[in-house]
Amino acid sequence: MNNIKIEELISAEVNRLSEKYKKDYLDLKDIMQITGLGRDKVREIMNSKQFPSSKFGKKKTVSVVAFVSWQFKNNMNGDIYG
């Protein structure tokens, strides 16, 4: 089996999500679709200090790169989606 670097996996997933959603920043609804989690749980995650969100007015978003990196980091630690 080929050794795939984490950076390559992250890059491929960033490209996939950017193409699928046609944007560089994801909002609450996008993250709900990606994770399959409900609105309250996604809000909880987006409001946590560990989550790399940005606030624009009242709307929180996260860059696709930051979201995918966060997913990989938390998945490797075994605590994805709390």
C-alpha atoms as a PDB file:
ATOM      1  CA  MET A   1       0.000   0.000   0.000  1.00  0.00           C
ATOM      2  CA  ASN A   2       1.277   3.467  -0.847  1.00  0.00           C
ATOM      3  CA  ASN A   3       2.095   5.831   1.963  1.00  0.00           C
ATOM      4  CA  ILE A   4      -0.166   8.838   1.540  1.00  0.00           C
ATOM      5  CA  LYS A   5       0.828  11.985   3.335  1.00  0.00           C
ATOM      6  CA  ILE A   6      -1.730  13.749   5.500  1.00  0.00           C
ATOM      7  CA  GLU A   7      -1.089  16.935   3.508  1.00  0.00           C
ATOM      8  CA  GLU A   8      -2.129  15.163   0.303  1.00  0.00           C
ATOM      9  CA  LEU A   9      -5.328  13.872   1.910  1.00  0.00           C
ATOM     10  CA  ILE A  10      -6.168  17.322   3.263  1.00  0.00           C
ATOM     11  CA  SER A  11      -5.470  18.924  -0.105  1.00  0.00           C
ATOM     12  CA  ALA A  12      -7.672  16.407  -1.930  1.00  0.00           C
ATOM     13  CA  GLU A  13     -10.528  16.910   0.539  1.00  0.00           C
ATOM     14  CA  VAL A  14     -10.222  20.711   0.360  1.00  0.00           C
ATOM     15  CA  ASN A  15     -10.439  20.525  -3.427  1.00  0.00           C
ATOM     16  CA  ARG A  16     -13.411  18.153  -3.282  1.00  0.00           C
ATOM     17  CA  LEU A  17     -15.400  20.313  -0.867  1.00  0.00           C
ATOM     18  CA  SER A  18     -14.509  23.572  -2.634  1.00  0.00           C
ATOM     19  CA  GLU A  19     -15.719  22.131  -5.920  1.00  0.00           C
ATOM     20  CA  LYS A  20     -18.848  20.587  -4.422  1.00  0.00           C
ATOM     21  CA  TYR A  21     -19.971  23.731  -2.580  1.00  0.00           C
ATOM     22  CA  LYS A  22     -18.501  26.214  -5.097  1.00  0.00           C
ATOM     23  CA  LYS A  23     -17.007  28.370  -2.334  1.00  0.00           C
ATOM     24  CA  ASP A  24     -13.977  28.764  -0.091  1.00  0.00           C
ATOM     25  CA  TYR A  25     -15.905  29.326   3.166  1.00  0.00           C
ATOM     26  CA  LEU A  26     -18.517  27.034   4.695  1.00  0.00           C
ATOM     27  CA  ASP A  27     -21.469  28.080   6.808  1.00  0.00           C
ATOM     28  CA  LEU A  28     -23.648  26.258   9.315  1.00  0.00           C
ATOM     29  CA  LYS A  29     -25.852  24.625   6.665  1.00  0.00           C
ATOM     30  CA  ASP A  30     -22.834  23.378   4.708  1.00  0.00           C
ATOM     31  CA  ILE A  31     -21.309  21.814   7.811  1.00  0.00           C
ATOM     32  CA  MET A  32     -24.642  20.192   8.672  1.00  0.00           C
ATOM     33  CA  GLN A  33     -24.677  18.569   5.212  1.00  0.00           C
ATOM     34  CA  ILE A  34     -21.047  17.469   5.419  1.00  0.00           C
ATOM     35  CA  THR A  35     -21.259  15.984   8.920  1.00  0.00           C
ATOM     36  CA  GLY A  36     -24.865  14.830   9.025  1.00  0.00           C
ATOM     37  CA  LEU A  37     -25.233  16.542  12.398  1.00  0.00           C
ATOM     38  CA  GLY A  38     -28.167  18.657  13.498  1.00  0.00           C
ATOM     39  CA  ARG A  39     -28.276  22.433  13.739  1.00  0.00           C
ATOM     40  CA  ASP A  40     -27.771  22.582  17.528  1.00  0.00           C
ATOM     41  CA  LYS A  41     -24.745  20.286  17.505  1.00  0.00           C
ATOM     42  CA  VAL A  42     -23.120  22.172  14.607  1.00  0.00           C
ATOM     43  CA  ARG A  43     -23.721  25.487  16.402  1.00  0.00           C
ATOM     44  CA  GLU A  44     -22.115  24.020  19.517  1.00  0.00           C
ATOM     45  CA  ILE A  45     -19.096  22.903  17.497  1.00  0.00           C
ATOM     46  CA  MET A  46     -18.805  26.229  15.651  1.00  0.00           C
ATOM     47  CA  ASN A  47     -18.913  28.111  18.971  1.00  0.00           C
ATOM     48  CA  SER A  48     -16.231  25.970  20.612  1.00  0.00           C
ATOM     49  CA  LYS A  49     -12.802  27.500  21.108  1.00  0.00           C
ATOM     50  CA  GLN A  50     -11.156  24.622  19.237  1.00  0.00           C
ATOM     51  CA  PHE A  51     -13.141  25.236  16.051  1.00  0.00           C
ATOM     52  CA  PRO A  52     -11.492  27.623  13.542  1.00  0.00           C
ATOM     53  CA  SER A  53     -14.543  29.747  12.692  1.00  0.00           C
ATOM     54  CA  SER A  54     -14.630  33.417  11.720  1.00  0.00           C
ATOM     55  CA  LYS A  55     -17.489  35.783  12.346  1.00  0.00           C
ATOM     56  CA  PHE A  56     -18.737  38.129   9.648  1.00  0.00           C
ATOM     57  CA  GLY A  57     -21.471  40.237  11.182  1.00  0.00           C
ATOM     58  CA  LYS A  58     -23.756  37.711  12.857  1.00  0.00           C
ATOM     59  CA  LYS A  59     -22.775  34.861  10.529  1.00  0.00           C
ATOM     60  CA  LYS A  60     -20.053  32.372  11.425  1.00  0.00           C
ATOM     61  CA  THR A  61     -18.107  30.681   8.678  1.00  0.00           C
ATOM     62  CA  VAL A  62     -15.001  28.559   8.385  1.00  0.00           C
ATOM     63  CA  SER A  63     -12.579  28.303   5.495  1.00  0.00           C
ATOM     64  CA  VAL A  64     -12.634  24.951   3.755  1.00  0.00           C
ATOM     65  CA  VAL A  65      -8.916  24.536   4.480  1.00  0.00           C
ATOM     66  CA  ALA A  66      -9.354  25.230   8.208  1.00  0.00           C
ATOM     67  CA  PHE A  67     -12.412  22.959   8.426  1.00  0.00           C
ATOM     68  CA  VAL A  68     -10.721  20.017   6.729  1.00  0.00           C
ATOM     69  CA  SER A  69      -7.559  20.455   8.822  1.00  0.00           C
ATOM     70  CA  TRP A  70      -9.706  20.596  11.978  1.00  0.00           C
ATOM     71  CA  GLN A  71     -11.559  17.430  10.908  1.00  0.00           C
ATOM     72  CA  PHE A  72      -8.338  15.495  10.321  1.00  0.00           C
ATOM     73  CA  LYS A  73      -6.782  16.686  13.587  1.00  0.00           C
ATOM     74  CA  ASN A  74      -9.843  15.775  15.655  1.00  0.00           C
ATOM     75  CA  ASN A  75     -10.455  12.508  13.845  1.00  0.00           C
ATOM     76  CA  MET A  76      -6.877  11.391  14.489  1.00  0.00           C
ATOM     77  CA  ASN A  77      -7.331  12.195  18.184  1.00  0.00           C
ATOM     78  CA  GLY A  78     -10.545  10.155  18.258  1.00  0.00           C
ATOM     79  CA  ASP A  79     -12.766  13.006  19.416  1.00  0.00           C
ATOM     80  CA  ILE A  80     -14.415  14.192  16.216  1.00  0.00           C
ATOM     81  CA  TYR A  81     -17.755  15.967  16.702  1.00  0.00           C
ATOM     82  CA  GLY A  82     -17.577  15.782  20.473  1.00  0.00           C
END
